[in-house]
PDB file of N, CA and C in Angstrom:
ATOM      1  N   MET A   1      67.769 216.464  94.338  1.00  0.00           N
ATOM      2  CA  MET A   1      68.225 217.772  95.174  1.00  0.00           C
ATOM      3  C   MET A   1      69.132 217.136  96.665  1.00  0.00           C
ATOM      4  N   SER A   2      70.056 218.644  96.508  1.00  0.00           N
ATOM      5  CA  SER A   2      71.326 217.695  97.701  1.00  0.00           C
ATOM      6  C   SER A   2      70.202 218.653  98.976  1.00  0.00           C
ATOM      7  N   PHE A   3      70.713 217.578  99.657  1.00  0.00           N
ATOM      8  CA  PHE A   3      70.156 217.890 101.366  1.00  0.00           C
ATOM      9  C   PHE A   3      70.260 219.834 102.430  1.00  0.00           C
ATOM     10  N   GLU A   4      71.287 219.969 101.447  1.00  0.00           N
ATOM     11  CA  GLU A   4      71.692 221.680 101.364  1.00  0.00           C
ATOM     12  C   GLU A   4      70.751 222.221 101.161  1.00  0.00           C
ATOM     13  N   VAL A   5      70.547 221.906  99.695  1.00  0.00           N
ATOM     14  CA  VAL A   5      69.207 222.777  98.745  1.00  0.00           C
ATOM     15  C   VAL A   5      68.438 222.593  99.667  1.00  0.00           C
ATOM     16  N   LEU A   6      68.152 221.864 100.193  1.00  0.00           N
ATOM     17  CA  LEU A   6      66.503 221.283 100.926  1.00  0.00           C
ATOM     18  C   LEU A   6      66.290 222.067 102.428  1.00  0.00           C
ATOM     19  N   GLU A   7      67.185 222.441 102.888  1.00  0.00           N
ATOM     20  CA  GLU A   7      67.487 222.663 103.922  1.00  0.00           C
ATOM     21  C   GLU A   7      67.534 224.115 103.955  1.00  0.00           C
ATOM     22  N   GLN A   8      68.345 225.018 102.624  1.00  0.00           N
ATOM     23  CA  GLN A   8      68.171 226.377 102.566  1.00  0.00           C
ATOM     24  C   GLN A   8      66.209 226.701 101.491  1.00  0.00           C
ATOM     25  N   LEU A   9      65.866 225.758 101.191  1.00  0.00           N
ATOM     26  CA  LEU A   9      64.481 226.115 100.761  1.00  0.00           C
ATOM     27  C   LEU A   9      63.262 226.037 101.828  1.00  0.00           C
ATOM     28  N   GLU A  10      63.708 225.166 102.661  1.00  0.00           N
ATOM     29  CA  GLU A  10      62.776 225.000 104.047  1.00  0.00           C
ATOM     30  C   GLU A  10      63.153 226.157 104.833  1.00  0.00           C
ATOM     31  N   ALA A  11      64.229 226.705 105.311  1.00  0.00           N
ATOM     32  CA  ALA A  11      64.945 227.984 105.739  1.00  0.00           C
ATOM     33  C   ALA A  11      63.743 229.572 104.848  1.00  0.00           C
ATOM     34  N   LYS A  12      64.053 229.311 103.889  1.00  0.00           N
ATOM     35  CA  LYS A  12      63.287 230.537 103.325  1.00  0.00           C
ATOM     36  C   LYS A  12      61.494 229.963 103.409  1.00  0.00           C
ATOM     37  N   VAL A  13      61.043 229.202 103.482  1.00  0.00           N
ATOM     38  CA  VAL A  13      59.523 228.768 103.394  1.00  0.00           C
ATOM     39  C   VAL A  13      59.473 229.203 105.246  1.00  0.00           C
ATOM     40  N   GLN A  14      60.367 229.062 105.807  1.00  0.00           N
ATOM     41  CA  GLN A  14      60.041 229.094 107.378  1.00  0.00           C
ATOM     42  C   GLN A  14      59.920 230.819 107.670  1.00  0.00           C
ATOM     43  N   SER A  15      60.833 231.333 106.816  1.00  0.00           N
ATOM     44  CA  SER A  15      60.888 232.432 107.124  1.00  0.00           C
ATOM     45  C   SER A  15      60.091 233.356 106.546  1.00  0.00           C
ATOM     46  N   ALA A  16      59.392 233.108 105.034  1.00  0.00           N
ATOM     47  CA  ALA A  16      57.917 233.262 104.682  1.00  0.00           C
ATOM     48  C   ALA A  16      56.739 232.927 105.800  1.00  0.00           C
ATOM     49  N   VAL A  17      57.033 232.090 105.759  1.00  0.00           N
ATOM     50  CA  VAL A  17      55.703 231.538 106.605  1.00  0.00           C
ATOM     51  C   VAL A  17      55.703 232.813 108.104  1.00  0.00           C
ATOM     52  N   ASP A  18      56.971 233.373 108.536  1.00  0.00           N
ATOM     53  CA  ASP A  18      57.212 233.917 109.950  1.00  0.00           C
ATOM     54  C   ASP A  18      56.574 235.155 109.788  1.00  0.00           C
ATOM     55  N   GLY A  19      57.371 235.519 108.623  1.00  0.00           N
ATOM     56  CA  GLY A  19      56.933 236.727 107.927  1.00  0.00           C
ATOM     57  C   GLY A  19      55.134 236.915 107.667  1.00  0.00           C
ATOM     58  N   ILE A  20      54.972 236.143 107.075  1.00  0.00           N
ATOM     59  CA  ILE A  20      53.176 236.438 106.736  1.00  0.00           C
ATOM     60  C   ILE A  20      52.754 236.510 108.063  1.00  0.00           C
ATOM     61  N   SER A  21      52.900 235.758 109.425  1.00  0.00           N
ATOM     62  CA  SER A  21      52.755 235.909 110.503  1.00  0.00           C
ATOM     63  C   SER A  21      52.534 237.053 111.192  1.00  0.00           C
ATOM     64  N   LEU A  22      53.592 237.521 110.836  1.00  0.00           N
ATOM     65  CA  LEU A  22      54.009 239.146 111.737  1.00  0.00           C
ATOM     66  C   LEU A  22      52.870 240.033 110.846  1.00  0.00           C
ATOM     67  N   LEU A  23      52.996 239.818 109.695  1.00  0.00           N
ATOM     68  CA  LEU A  23      52.086 240.412 108.759  1.00  0.00           C
ATOM     69  C   LEU A  23      50.368 240.894 109.467  1.00  0.00           C
ATOM     70  N   LYS A  24      50.109 239.470 108.998  1.00  0.00           N
ATOM     71  CA  LYS A  24      48.915 239.130 109.761  1.00  0.00           C
ATOM     72  C   LYS A  24      48.870 239.711 111.220  1.00  0.00           C
ATOM     73  N   MET A  25      49.374 239.576 111.963  1.00  0.00           N
ATOM     74  CA  MET A  25      49.488 240.324 113.442  1.00  0.00           C
ATOM     75  C   MET A  25      48.619 241.650 113.821  1.00  0.00           C
ATOM     76  N   GLU A  26      49.937 242.751 112.628  1.00  0.00           N
ATOM     77  CA  GLU A  26      50.059 243.976 112.122  1.00  0.00           C
ATOM     78  C   GLU A  26      48.524 243.970 111.703  1.00  0.00           C
ATOM     79  N   LEU A  27      48.159 243.312 110.703  1.00  0.00           N
ATOM     80  CA  LEU A  27      46.824 243.429 109.970  1.00  0.00           C
ATOM     81  C   LEU A  27      45.802 243.579 111.054  1.00  0.00           C
ATOM     82  N   ASP A  28      45.575 242.282 112.078  1.00  0.00           N
ATOM     83  CA  ASP A  28      44.866 242.602 113.022  1.00  0.00           C
ATOM     84  C   ASP A  28      45.069 243.939 114.019  1.00  0.00           C
ATOM     85  N   GLU A  29      46.090 244.348 114.421  1.00  0.00           N
ATOM     86  CA  GLU A  29      46.608 245.951 115.319  1.00  0.00           C
ATOM     87  C   GLU A  29      45.730 246.885 114.388  1.00  0.00           C
ATOM     88  N   LEU A  30      45.979 246.863 113.185  1.00  0.00           N
ATOM     89  CA  LEU A  30      45.568 248.267 112.597  1.00  0.00           C
ATOM     90  C   LEU A  30      43.714 247.729 112.405  1.00  0.00           C
ATOM     91  N   ARG A  31      43.858 246.838 112.175  1.00  0.00           N
ATOM     92  CA  ARG A  31      42.332 246.778 111.897  1.00  0.00           C
ATOM     93  C   ARG A  31      41.617 247.301 113.458  1.00  0.00           C
ATOM     94  N   ALA A  32      42.037 246.888 114.806  1.00  0.00           N
ATOM     95  CA  ALA A  32      41.374 247.406 115.758  1.00  0.00           C
ATOM     96  C   ALA A  32      41.228 248.692 115.631  1.00  0.00           C
ATOM     97  N   GLN A  33      43.043 249.430 115.240  1.00  0.00           N
ATOM     98  CA  GLN A  33      43.215 250.445 115.658  1.00  0.00           C
ATOM     99  C   GLN A  33      41.627 251.608 114.278  1.00  0.00           C
ATOM    100  N   ASN A  34      41.419 251.192 113.154  1.00  0.00           N
ATOM    101  CA  ASN A  34      41.005 251.395 112.492  1.00  0.00           C
ATOM    102  C   ASN A  34      39.254 251.505 112.968  1.00  0.00           C
ATOM    103  N   GLN A  35      38.737 250.723 113.508  1.00  0.00           N
ATOM    104  CA  GLN A  35      37.657 250.455 114.236  1.00  0.00           C
ATOM    105  C   GLN A  35      37.850 251.546 115.312  1.00  0.00           C
ATOM    106  N   GLN A  36      38.467 251.159 116.158  1.00  0.00           N
ATOM    107  CA  GLN A  36      38.311 252.434 117.015  1.00  0.00           C
ATOM    108  C   GLN A  36      38.367 253.903 116.637  1.00  0.00           C
ATOM    109  N   LEU A  37      39.324 254.390 115.563  1.00  0.00           N
ATOM    110  CA  LEU A  37      39.733 255.698 115.108  1.00  0.00           C
ATOM    111  C   LEU A  37      38.104 256.058 114.280  1.00  0.00           C
ATOM    112  N   THR A  38      37.423 254.896 113.857  1.00  0.00           N
ATOM    113  CA  THR A  38      36.050 254.911 113.469  1.00  0.00           C
ATOM    114  C   THR A  38      34.988 255.651 113.923  1.00  0.00           C
ATOM    115  N   GLU A  39      34.991 254.380 115.058  1.00  0.00           N
ATOM    116  CA  GLU A  39      33.934 254.527 116.560  1.00  0.00           C
ATOM    117  C   GLU A  39      34.461 256.076 117.181  1.00  0.00           C
ATOM    118  N   GLU A  40      35.445 256.750 117.138  1.00  0.00           N
ATOM    119  CA  GLU A  40      36.080 257.841 117.244  1.00  0.00           C
ATOM    120  C   GLU A  40      35.663 259.395 116.423  1.00  0.00           C
ATOM    121  N   ASN A  41      35.415 258.535 115.399  1.00  0.00           N
ATOM    122  CA  ASN A  41      34.865 259.345 114.200  1.00  0.00           C
ATOM    123  C   ASN A  41      33.704 260.360 114.277  1.00  0.00           C
ATOM    124  N   GLN A  42      33.160 258.949 114.606  1.00  0.00           N
ATOM    125  CA  GLN A  42      31.531 258.809 114.590  1.00  0.00           C
ATOM    126  C   GLN A  42      31.386 259.701 115.804  1.00  0.00           C
ATOM    127  N   GLN A  43      31.276 259.400 116.483  1.00  0.00           N
ATOM    128  CA  GLN A  43      31.193 260.412 117.631  1.00  0.00           C
ATOM    129  C   GLN A  43      31.687 261.484 118.204  1.00  0.00           C
ATOM    130  N   LEU A  44      32.788 261.924 117.222  1.00  0.00           N
ATOM    131  CA  LEU A  44      33.123 263.798 116.405  1.00  0.00           C
ATOM    132  C   LEU A  44      31.973 264.259 115.893  1.00  0.00           C
ATOM    133  N   ARG A  45      31.571 263.256 115.270  1.00  0.00           N
ATOM    134  CA  ARG A  45      30.638 264.256 114.051  1.00  0.00           C
ATOM    135  C   ARG A  45      29.560 264.301 114.958  1.00  0.00           C
ATOM    136  N   ASN A  46      28.880 262.958 115.766  1.00  0.00           N
ATOM    137  CA  ASN A  46      27.690 263.206 116.330  1.00  0.00           C
ATOM    138  C   ASN A  46      27.865 265.002 117.468  1.00  0.00           C
ATOM    139  N   ASP A  47      29.124 264.830 117.995  1.00  0.00           N
ATOM    140  CA  ASP A  47      29.538 266.509 118.901  1.00  0.00           C
ATOM    141  C   ASP A  47      29.021 267.491 117.970  1.00  0.00           C
ATOM    142  N   HIS A  48      29.650 267.211 116.966  1.00  0.00           N
ATOM    143  CA  HIS A  48      29.728 268.506 116.019  1.00  0.00           C
ATOM    144  C   HIS A  48      28.223 268.448 115.405  1.00  0.00           C
ATOM    145  N   ILE A  49      27.711 267.396 115.513  1.00  0.00           N
ATOM    146  CA  ILE A  49      26.189 267.944 114.761  1.00  0.00           C
ATOM    147  C   ILE A  49      25.319 268.754 116.207  1.00  0.00           C
ATOM    148  N   ALA A  50      25.550 268.183 117.093  1.00  0.00           N
ATOM    149  CA  ALA A  50      24.977 268.843 118.139  1.00  0.00           C
ATOM    150  C   ALA A  50      25.436 270.039 118.377  1.00  0.00           C
ATOM    151  N   TRP A  51      26.660 270.280 118.826  1.00  0.00           N
ATOM    152  CA  TRP A  51      26.502 272.235 118.396  1.00  0.00           C
ATOM    153  C   TRP A  51      26.165 272.665 117.474  1.00  0.00           C
ATOM    154  N   GLN A  52      26.094 272.427 116.264  1.00  0.00           N
ATOM    155  CA  GLN A  52      25.220 273.330 115.198  1.00  0.00           C
ATOM    156  C   GLN A  52      23.828 273.588 115.714  1.00  0.00           C
ATOM    157  N   GLU A  53      23.606 272.664 116.480  1.00  0.00           N
ATOM    158  CA  GLU A  53      21.774 272.309 116.813  1.00  0.00           C
ATOM    159  C   GLU A  53      21.910 273.512 117.558  1.00  0.00           C
ATOM    160  N   ARG A  54      22.706 273.408 118.629  1.00  0.00           N
ATOM    161  CA  ARG A  54      22.826 274.196 119.550  1.00  0.00           C
ATOM    162  C   ARG A  54      22.899 275.885 119.242  1.00  0.00           C
ATOM    163  N   LEU A  55      24.024 275.915 118.488  1.00  0.00           N
ATOM    164  CA  LEU A  55      23.972 277.200 117.813  1.00  0.00           C
ATOM    165  C   LEU A  55      23.308 277.870 117.108  1.00  0.00           C
ATOM    166  N   ARG A  56      22.408 276.886 116.445  1.00  0.00           N
ATOM    167  CA  ARG A  56      21.133 277.019 115.380  1.00  0.00           C
ATOM    168  C   ARG A  56      20.193 277.863 116.460  1.00  0.00           C
ATOM    169  N   ALA A  57      20.050 276.678 117.653  1.00  0.00           N
ATOM    170  CA  ALA A  57      19.125 277.363 118.691  1.00  0.00           C
ATOM    171  C   ALA A  57      18.948 278.454 119.165  1.00  0.00           C
ATOM    172  N   LEU A  58      20.743 279.157 119.061  1.00  0.00           N
ATOM    173  CA  LEU A  58      21.139 280.189 119.540  1.00  0.00           C
ATOM    174  C   LEU A  58      20.673 281.341 119.029  1.00  0.00           C
ATOM    175  N   LEU A  59      21.154 281.160 117.604  1.00  0.00           N
ATOM    176  CA  LEU A  59      21.016 282.159 116.430  1.00  0.00           C
ATOM    177  C   LEU A  59      19.148 282.680 116.568  1.00  0.00           C
ATOM    178  N   GLY A  60      18.316 281.497 116.603  1.00  0.00           N
ATOM    179  CA  GLY A  60      17.069 281.645 116.258  1.00  0.00           C
ATOM    180  C   GLY A  60      16.695 282.787 117.656  1.00  0.00           C
ATOM    181  N   LYS A  61      17.496 282.345 118.761  1.00  0.00           N
ATOM    182  CA  LYS A  61      16.740 282.551 120.229  1.00  0.00           C
ATOM    183  C   LYS A  61      17.423 284.783 119.429  1.00  0.00           C
ATOM    184  N   MET A  62      18.328 284.880 118.917  1.00  0.00           N
ATOM    185  CA  MET A  62      18.961 286.004 118.952  1.00  0.00           C
ATOM    186  C   MET A  62      18.030 286.879 117.961  1.00  0.00           C
ATOM    187  N   ASP A  63      17.427 286.210 116.838  1.00  0.00           N
ATOM    188  CA  ASP A  63      17.021 286.394 115.731  1.00  0.00           C
ATOM    189  C   ASP A  63      15.512 286.693 116.298  1.00  0.00           C
ATOM    190  N   GLN A  64      14.608 286.409 117.427  1.00  0.00           N
ATOM    191  CA  GLN A  64      13.425 286.376 117.934  1.00  0.00           C
ATOM    192  C   GLN A  64      13.281 287.612 118.661  1.00  0.00           C
ATOM    193  N   VAL A  65      14.464 287.669 119.128  1.00  0.00           N
ATOM    194  CA  VAL A  65      15.041 288.989 119.902  1.00  0.00           C
ATOM    195  C   VAL A  65      14.872 290.531 119.364  1.00  0.00           C
ATOM    196  N   ASP A  66      15.978 290.168 117.973  1.00  0.00           N
ATOM    197  CA  ASP A  66      15.773 291.936 117.311  1.00  0.00           C
ATOM    198  C   ASP A  66      15.127 291.586 116.498  1.00  0.00           C
ATOM    199  N   SER A  67      13.954 290.866 116.379  1.00  0.00           N
ATOM    200  CA  SER A  67      12.747 290.799 115.513  1.00  0.00           C
ATOM    201  C   SER A  67      11.474 291.325 116.987  1.00  0.00           C
ATOM    202  N   GLU A  68      11.574 291.521 117.568  1.00  0.00           N
ATOM    203  CA  GLU A  68      10.785 292.096 119.072  1.00  0.00           C
ATOM    204  C   GLU A  68      10.898 293.437 119.077  1.00  0.00           C
TER     205      GLU A  68
END
């Protein structure tokens, strides 16, 4: 192998390593974003359940008034 071919191979390997490093950083960022969105989604679900319970309680009170 000539020295020039070895340098080209080294450049390609370095480029691949750099690309992998960037992809790993992007993956870490996306995982953090996914975790944040998962937590936000859970909070919104909890809020939705709480609102449903309050609405059911209010409707129950209205039913009591209607039946009296």
